[in-house]
Amino acid sequence: MGDYAKALGAKLRAIRQQQGLSLHGVEQKSGGRWKAVVVGSYERGDRAVTVQKLAELADFYGVPVAELLPEGRVPSGAEPATKIVINLERLQQLPADKVGPLARYAATIQSQRGDYNGKVLSIRTEDLRSLAIIYDMTPGELTEQLIDWGVLPPEARPSKED
């Protein structure tokens, strides 16, 4: 797994420890909903956590999802796009096995917002970071992938100041 997954795992571990819970304590307190082995693998960065599971785990710990996300920049890869506007029409043309997680995420945001224009969808940098976890990439790498797929325009690429 990448550096981001390891940083996310460190945040998960820190929150759990702040609450005075062992891995087995999480399993017991959750009534078996969160298995110790699964939470431990998230914390080590050995297993990717979906955005849905991350939200559920944040709810279990009683913290905002943002508290579980690593701070700062990931050292490898380009910086994430400053303005993230997904081309939904292009997204629908791509194979589901490539863009399934992104398509589901976009559909969820559309549903929450009641925004069904079907052409474009603006997302936050935090959304891009969450999606990067799903794709096991840095936010910058995911930005490049989305540009390659045609889901983001090339001008979404951050400018590099020398």
Protein backbone atom coordinates (compact mmCIF):
# COMPACT_ATOMS: atom_id res chain seq x y z
CA MET A 1 0.00 0.00 0.00
CA GLY A 2 1.04 3.57 -0.53
CA ASP A 3 2.24 6.25 1.84
CA TYR A 4 -1.25 7.72 2.07
CA ALA A 5 -2.73 4.42 3.27
CA LYS A 6 -0.03 4.18 5.94
CA ALA A 7 -0.65 7.78 7.05
CA LEU A 8 -4.40 7.09 7.19
CA GLY A 9 -3.69 3.98 9.26
CA ALA A 10 -1.60 5.99 11.69
CA LYS A 11 -4.50 8.43 12.16
CA LEU A 12 -6.93 5.54 12.73
CA ARG A 13 -4.58 4.02 15.32
CA ALA A 14 -4.12 7.36 17.10
CA ILE A 15 -7.89 7.92 17.39
CA ARG A 16 -8.43 4.37 18.68
CA GLN A 17 -5.65 4.74 21.24
CA GLN A 18 -6.93 8.16 22.35
CA GLN A 19 -10.18 6.43 23.18
CA GLY A 20 -8.34 3.84 25.25
CA LEU A 21 -9.35 0.96 23.01
CA SER A 22 -7.31 -2.06 21.98
CA LEU A 23 -8.08 -3.73 18.67
CA HIS A 24 -10.03 -6.38 20.55
CA GLY A 25 -11.74 -3.61 22.51
CA VAL A 26 -13.00 -2.15 19.22
CA GLU A 27 -14.40 -5.54 18.27
CA GLN A 28 -16.10 -5.95 21.64
CA LYS A 29 -17.46 -2.39 21.82
CA SER A 30 -18.85 -2.69 18.26
CA GLY A 31 -20.52 -6.02 19.01
CA GLY A 32 -18.40 -7.69 16.35
CA ARG A 33 -19.21 -5.11 13.66
CA TRP A 34 -15.52 -4.13 13.48
CA LYS A 35 -13.24 -7.16 13.59
CA ALA A 36 -9.88 -6.61 15.28
CA VAL A 37 -8.00 -8.12 12.34
CA VAL A 38 -9.72 -5.78 9.85
CA VAL A 39 -9.17 -2.62 11.90
CA GLY A 40 -5.56 -3.67 12.47
CA SER A 41 -5.02 -4.13 8.73
CA TYR A 42 -6.47 -0.66 8.08
CA GLU A 43 -4.14 0.77 10.72
CA ARG A 44 -1.07 -0.89 9.19
CA GLY A 45 -2.06 0.29 5.73
CA ASP A 46 -2.20 -3.34 4.56
CA ARG A 47 -5.83 -3.10 3.50
CA ALA A 48 -7.62 -0.34 1.60
CA VAL A 49 -10.60 1.16 3.35
CA THR A 50 -13.57 2.32 1.29
CA VAL A 51 -15.03 5.75 1.80
CA GLN A 52 -18.19 4.12 3.16
CA LYS A 53 -16.25 2.05 5.71
CA LEU A 54 -14.16 5.09 6.66
CA ALA A 55 -17.36 7.07 7.30
CA GLU A 56 -18.80 4.22 9.37
CA LEU A 57 -15.58 3.91 11.37
CA ALA A 58 -15.56 7.68 11.98
CA ASP A 59 -19.14 7.39 13.23
CA PHE A 60 -18.17 4.48 15.51
CA TYR A 61 -15.32 6.56 16.98
CA GLY A 62 -17.57 9.61 17.18
CA VAL A 63 -15.27 11.84 15.13
CA PRO A 64 -15.66 13.67 11.82
CA VAL A 65 -14.28 11.79 8.81
CA ALA A 66 -11.84 14.66 8.27
CA GLU A 67 -10.19 13.77 11.59
CA LEU A 68 -9.26 10.37 10.17
CA LEU A 69 -7.66 11.74 7.03
CA PRO A 70 -3.93 12.47 7.07
CA GLU A 71 -2.91 16.10 7.12
CA GLY A 72 -0.46 17.77 4.84
CA ARG A 73 0.79 16.64 1.49
CA VAL A 74 1.79 13.22 0.34
CA PRO A 75 5.42 13.40 -0.77
CA SER A 76 5.08 11.42 -4.03
CA GLY A 77 3.02 12.44 -7.05
CA ALA A 78 1.79 15.80 -8.22
CA GLU A 79 -0.39 18.07 -6.13
CA PRO A 80 -4.14 17.52 -6.41
CA ALA A 81 -6.17 19.75 -8.70
CA THR A 82 -7.19 23.07 -7.23
CA LYS A 83 -10.60 23.06 -8.94
CA ILE A 84 -12.10 19.61 -9.26
CA VAL A 85 -15.00 19.49 -11.71
CA ILE A 86 -15.80 15.98 -12.89
CA ASN A 87 -17.19 15.52 -16.41
CA LEU A 88 -20.11 13.19 -15.68
CA GLU A 89 -20.89 12.61 -19.35
CA ARG A 90 -17.36 11.29 -19.94
CA LEU A 91 -17.51 9.28 -16.71
CA GLN A 92 -20.58 7.41 -17.99
CA GLN A 93 -18.71 6.43 -21.18
CA LEU A 94 -15.89 4.67 -19.32
CA PRO A 95 -15.84 0.98 -18.28
CA ALA A 96 -17.40 0.37 -14.87
CA ASP A 97 -14.47 -1.82 -13.81
CA LYS A 98 -12.21 1.25 -14.05
CA VAL A 99 -14.45 4.00 -12.75
CA GLY A 100 -16.96 2.13 -10.59
CA PRO A 101 -15.86 3.63 -7.26
CA LEU A 102 -15.73 7.15 -8.72
CA ALA A 103 -19.13 6.72 -10.40
CA ARG A 104 -20.72 5.48 -7.15
CA TYR A 105 -19.12 8.31 -5.20
CA ALA A 106 -20.34 10.90 -7.73
CA ALA A 107 -23.85 9.40 -7.68
CA THR A 108 -23.91 9.62 -3.88
CA ILE A 109 -22.85 13.26 -3.91
CA GLN A 110 -25.47 14.04 -6.57
CA SER A 111 -28.12 12.34 -4.45
CA GLN A 112 -27.11 14.21 -1.31
CA ARG A 113 -27.14 17.53 -3.14
CA GLY A 114 -30.22 16.81 -5.22
CA ASP A 115 -28.05 17.85 -8.18
CA TYR A 116 -28.87 15.81 -11.26
CA ASN A 117 -27.75 18.05 -14.13
CA GLY A 118 -25.77 15.05 -15.40
CA LYS A 119 -23.04 17.12 -17.03
CA VAL A 120 -20.54 18.12 -14.35
CA LEU A 121 -20.03 17.70 -10.63
CA SER A 122 -17.76 19.78 -8.41
CA ILE A 123 -16.04 17.94 -5.59
CA ARG A 124 -13.86 19.09 -2.72
CA THR A 125 -10.18 18.33 -2.25
CA GLU A 126 -11.18 16.13 0.70
CA ASP A 127 -13.36 14.09 -1.68
CA LEU A 128 -10.37 13.64 -3.99
CA ARG A 129 -8.27 12.46 -1.04
CA SER A 130 -10.95 9.94 -0.07
CA LEU A 131 -11.19 8.68 -3.64
CA ALA A 132 -7.39 8.39 -3.78
CA ILE A 133 -7.57 5.98 -0.83
CA ILE A 134 -10.02 3.80 -2.75
CA TYR A 135 -7.78 3.77 -5.82
CA ASP A 136 -4.62 3.31 -3.68
CA MET A 137 -3.02 6.39 -5.20
CA THR A 138 -1.90 9.77 -4.00
CA PRO A 139 -4.35 12.60 -4.69
CA GLY A 140 -1.94 13.91 -7.33
CA GLU A 141 -1.69 10.52 -9.02
CA LEU A 142 -5.48 10.22 -9.06
CA THR A 143 -5.76 13.71 -10.57
CA GLU A 144 -3.45 12.57 -13.38
CA GLN A 145 -5.50 9.40 -13.87
CA LEU A 146 -8.74 11.38 -14.07
CA ILE A 147 -7.17 13.68 -16.66
CA ASP A 148 -6.01 10.63 -18.65
CA TRP A 149 -9.55 9.22 -18.54
CA GLY A 150 -10.93 12.57 -19.74
CA VAL A 151 -12.99 12.99 -16.57
CA LEU A 152 -10.99 16.10 -15.62
CA PRO A 153 -9.72 18.63 -18.16
CA PRO A 154 -5.93 19.02 -18.59
CA GLU A 155 -6.14 22.50 -17.07
CA ALA A 156 -7.15 20.84 -13.79
CA ARG A 157 -3.50 19.81 -13.50
CA PRO A 158 -1.89 22.04 -10.86
CA SER A 159 0.69 24.47 -12.14
CA LYS A 160 4.22 23.68 -11.10
CA GLU A 161 6.17 26.66 -9.90
CA ASP A 162 9.91 26.36 -10.41
